[in-house]
Amino acid sequence: MRKLIVAASLLAFAVGTAPATAAPCKDAKGRFMKCPTVAPKATKCRLNGKFAKCGTPGAKPA
């Protein structure tokens, strides 16, 4: 009986989380589309071993 209850609860959990894992991205007309990927922005850059602004020529993300 215990195995039946565990199996039923696992099945209910798996079915309940399926819609939550779907891509929530929609276009302007309401149709589903692939979500755009956003690249993480570098917060700090280095130049010659020291921190520098990322717009500086030769600076590389740290």
N, C-alpha and C. Protein backbone atom coordinates (compact mmCIF):
# COMPACT_ATOMS: atom_id res chain seq x y z
N MET A 1 0.83 -1.19 0.00
CA MET A 1 0.00 0.00 0.00
C MET A 1 0.87 1.26 0.00
N ARG A 2 1.97 1.20 0.76
CA ARG A 2 2.86 2.36 0.83
C ARG A 2 3.48 2.65 -0.53
N LYS A 3 3.87 1.61 -1.27
CA LYS A 3 4.46 1.79 -2.59
C LYS A 3 3.47 2.42 -3.55
N LEU A 4 2.20 2.05 -3.43
CA LEU A 4 1.16 2.61 -4.29
C LEU A 4 0.98 4.10 -4.02
N ILE A 5 1.01 4.49 -2.76
CA ILE A 5 0.84 5.90 -2.40
C ILE A 5 2.04 6.72 -2.88
N VAL A 6 3.24 6.18 -2.72
CA VAL A 6 4.44 6.88 -3.16
C VAL A 6 4.42 7.03 -4.69
N ALA A 7 4.06 5.96 -5.39
CA ALA A 7 4.01 6.02 -6.85
C ALA A 7 2.96 7.02 -7.32
N ALA A 8 1.81 7.06 -6.68
CA ALA A 8 0.76 8.00 -7.06
C ALA A 8 1.18 9.44 -6.80
N SER A 9 1.87 9.68 -5.68
CA SER A 9 2.30 11.05 -5.38
C SER A 9 3.39 11.50 -6.35
N LEU A 10 4.31 10.61 -6.73
CA LEU A 10 5.33 10.96 -7.71
C LEU A 10 4.72 11.25 -9.08
N LEU A 11 3.73 10.49 -9.46
CA LEU A 11 3.05 10.73 -10.73
C LEU A 11 2.32 12.07 -10.71
N ALA A 12 1.66 12.37 -9.61
CA ALA A 12 0.95 13.64 -9.50
C ALA A 12 1.92 14.81 -9.53
N PHE A 13 3.06 14.67 -8.90
CA PHE A 13 4.08 15.72 -8.90
C PHE A 13 4.63 15.93 -10.31
N ALA A 14 4.91 14.84 -11.03
CA ALA A 14 5.47 14.93 -12.38
C ALA A 14 4.47 15.57 -13.34
N VAL A 15 3.21 15.25 -13.22
CA VAL A 15 2.18 15.82 -14.09
C VAL A 15 1.93 17.28 -13.73
N GLY A 16 2.02 17.62 -12.47
CA GLY A 16 1.75 18.98 -12.03
C GLY A 16 2.82 19.96 -12.41
N THR A 17 4.06 19.51 -12.59
CA THR A 17 5.15 20.43 -12.91
C THR A 17 5.39 20.56 -14.40
N ALA A 18 4.75 19.76 -15.23
CA ALA A 18 4.99 19.82 -16.67
C ALA A 18 4.62 21.18 -17.27
N PRO A 19 3.47 21.77 -16.97
CA PRO A 19 3.17 23.08 -17.56
C PRO A 19 4.08 24.19 -17.05
N ALA A 20 4.60 24.06 -15.86
CA ALA A 20 5.47 25.09 -15.30
C ALA A 20 6.82 25.12 -15.99
N THR A 21 7.25 24.01 -16.59
CA THR A 21 8.54 23.98 -17.25
C THR A 21 8.45 24.41 -18.70
N ALA A 22 7.25 24.64 -19.22
CA ALA A 22 7.10 25.08 -20.61
C ALA A 22 7.62 26.50 -20.76
N ALA A 23 8.06 26.83 -21.95
CA ALA A 23 8.59 28.17 -22.21
C ALA A 23 7.46 29.20 -22.12
N PRO A 24 7.59 30.22 -21.28
CA PRO A 24 6.52 31.19 -21.10
C PRO A 24 6.57 32.34 -22.11
N CYS A 25 7.43 32.27 -23.10
CA CYS A 25 7.61 33.39 -24.03
C CYS A 25 6.53 33.37 -25.10
N LYS A 26 5.93 34.53 -25.29
CA LYS A 26 4.92 34.71 -26.33
C LYS A 26 5.25 35.96 -27.12
N ASP A 27 4.85 35.97 -28.38
CA ASP A 27 5.06 37.17 -29.18
C ASP A 27 3.89 38.12 -29.00
N ALA A 28 3.84 39.20 -29.77
CA ALA A 28 2.80 40.22 -29.61
C ALA A 28 1.41 39.69 -29.92
N LYS A 29 1.31 38.67 -30.76
CA LYS A 29 0.01 38.11 -31.11
C LYS A 29 -0.44 37.00 -30.16
N GLY A 30 0.39 36.66 -29.17
CA GLY A 30 0.03 35.66 -28.19
C GLY A 30 0.47 34.26 -28.54
N ARG A 31 1.21 34.09 -29.63
CA ARG A 31 1.68 32.77 -30.01
C ARG A 31 2.98 32.45 -29.27
N PHE A 32 3.16 31.19 -28.93
CA PHE A 32 4.38 30.78 -28.24
C PHE A 32 5.56 30.84 -29.18
N MET A 33 6.69 31.26 -28.66
CA MET A 33 7.92 31.33 -29.44
C MET A 33 9.09 30.94 -28.56
N LYS A 34 10.25 30.76 -29.16
CA LYS A 34 11.44 30.41 -28.40
C LYS A 34 11.91 31.65 -27.64
N CYS A 35 12.22 31.47 -26.37
CA CYS A 35 12.66 32.59 -25.54
C CYS A 35 14.04 33.05 -25.98
N PRO A 36 14.25 34.37 -26.08
CA PRO A 36 15.58 34.85 -26.46
C PRO A 36 16.56 34.63 -25.32
N THR A 37 17.78 34.25 -25.68
CA THR A 37 18.81 34.04 -24.66
C THR A 37 19.50 35.37 -24.38
N VAL A 38 19.76 35.62 -23.13
CA VAL A 38 20.42 36.85 -22.72
C VAL A 38 21.80 36.49 -22.19
N ALA A 39 22.83 37.04 -22.81
CA ALA A 39 24.19 36.76 -22.37
C ALA A 39 24.47 37.55 -21.09
N PRO A 40 25.12 36.94 -20.11
CA PRO A 40 25.43 37.67 -18.89
C PRO A 40 26.43 38.79 -19.18
N LYS A 41 26.16 39.96 -18.64
CA LYS A 41 27.01 41.12 -18.88
C LYS A 41 28.18 41.10 -17.89
N ALA A 42 29.36 41.33 -18.41
CA ALA A 42 30.55 41.38 -17.56
C ALA A 42 30.47 42.62 -16.68
N THR A 43 30.67 42.44 -15.39
CA THR A 43 30.56 43.56 -14.47
C THR A 43 31.90 44.24 -14.24
N LYS A 44 33.00 43.51 -14.38
CA LYS A 44 34.32 44.08 -14.15
C LYS A 44 35.25 43.64 -15.28
N CYS A 45 36.13 44.53 -15.67
CA CYS A 45 37.13 44.22 -16.68
C CYS A 45 38.51 44.55 -16.12
N ARG A 46 39.52 43.90 -16.71
CA ARG A 46 40.89 44.13 -16.26
C ARG A 46 41.75 44.59 -17.44
N LEU A 47 42.71 45.44 -17.10
CA LEU A 47 43.69 45.91 -18.07
C LEU A 47 45.03 46.00 -17.34
N ASN A 48 46.00 45.23 -17.80
CA ASN A 48 47.34 45.17 -17.18
C ASN A 48 47.27 44.79 -15.70
N GLY A 49 46.39 43.87 -15.35
CA GLY A 49 46.30 43.38 -13.98
C GLY A 49 45.50 44.27 -13.04
N LYS A 50 44.96 45.38 -13.53
CA LYS A 50 44.18 46.29 -12.70
C LYS A 50 42.77 46.39 -13.26
N PHE A 51 41.83 46.74 -12.41
CA PHE A 51 40.47 46.92 -12.87
C PHE A 51 40.35 48.18 -13.70
N ALA A 52 39.56 48.09 -14.78
CA ALA A 52 39.36 49.23 -15.67
C ALA A 52 37.92 49.19 -16.18
N LYS A 53 37.47 50.27 -16.78
CA LYS A 53 36.13 50.29 -17.37
C LYS A 53 36.10 49.32 -18.54
N CYS A 54 34.98 48.67 -18.74
CA CYS A 54 34.90 47.67 -19.80
C CYS A 54 34.95 48.29 -21.19
N GLY A 55 34.72 49.58 -21.34
CA GLY A 55 34.79 50.23 -22.63
C GLY A 55 36.21 50.60 -23.04
N THR A 56 37.15 50.47 -22.13
CA THR A 56 38.53 50.84 -22.40
C THR A 56 39.15 49.87 -23.42
N PRO A 57 39.86 50.39 -24.44
CA PRO A 57 40.50 49.48 -25.41
C PRO A 57 41.51 48.56 -24.73
N GLY A 58 41.43 47.29 -25.02
CA GLY A 58 42.35 46.31 -24.45
C GLY A 58 41.87 45.69 -23.15
N ALA A 59 40.81 46.20 -22.55
CA ALA A 59 40.29 45.64 -21.30
C ALA A 59 39.56 44.35 -21.60
N LYS A 60 39.75 43.37 -20.73
CA LYS A 60 39.10 42.06 -20.91
C LYS A 60 38.24 41.76 -19.69
N PRO A 61 37.11 41.09 -19.89
CA PRO A 61 36.24 40.73 -18.75
C PRO A 61 36.97 39.85 -17.76
N ALA A 62 36.76 40.13 -16.50
CA ALA A 62 37.42 39.35 -15.44
C ALA A 62 36.50 38.27 -14.95
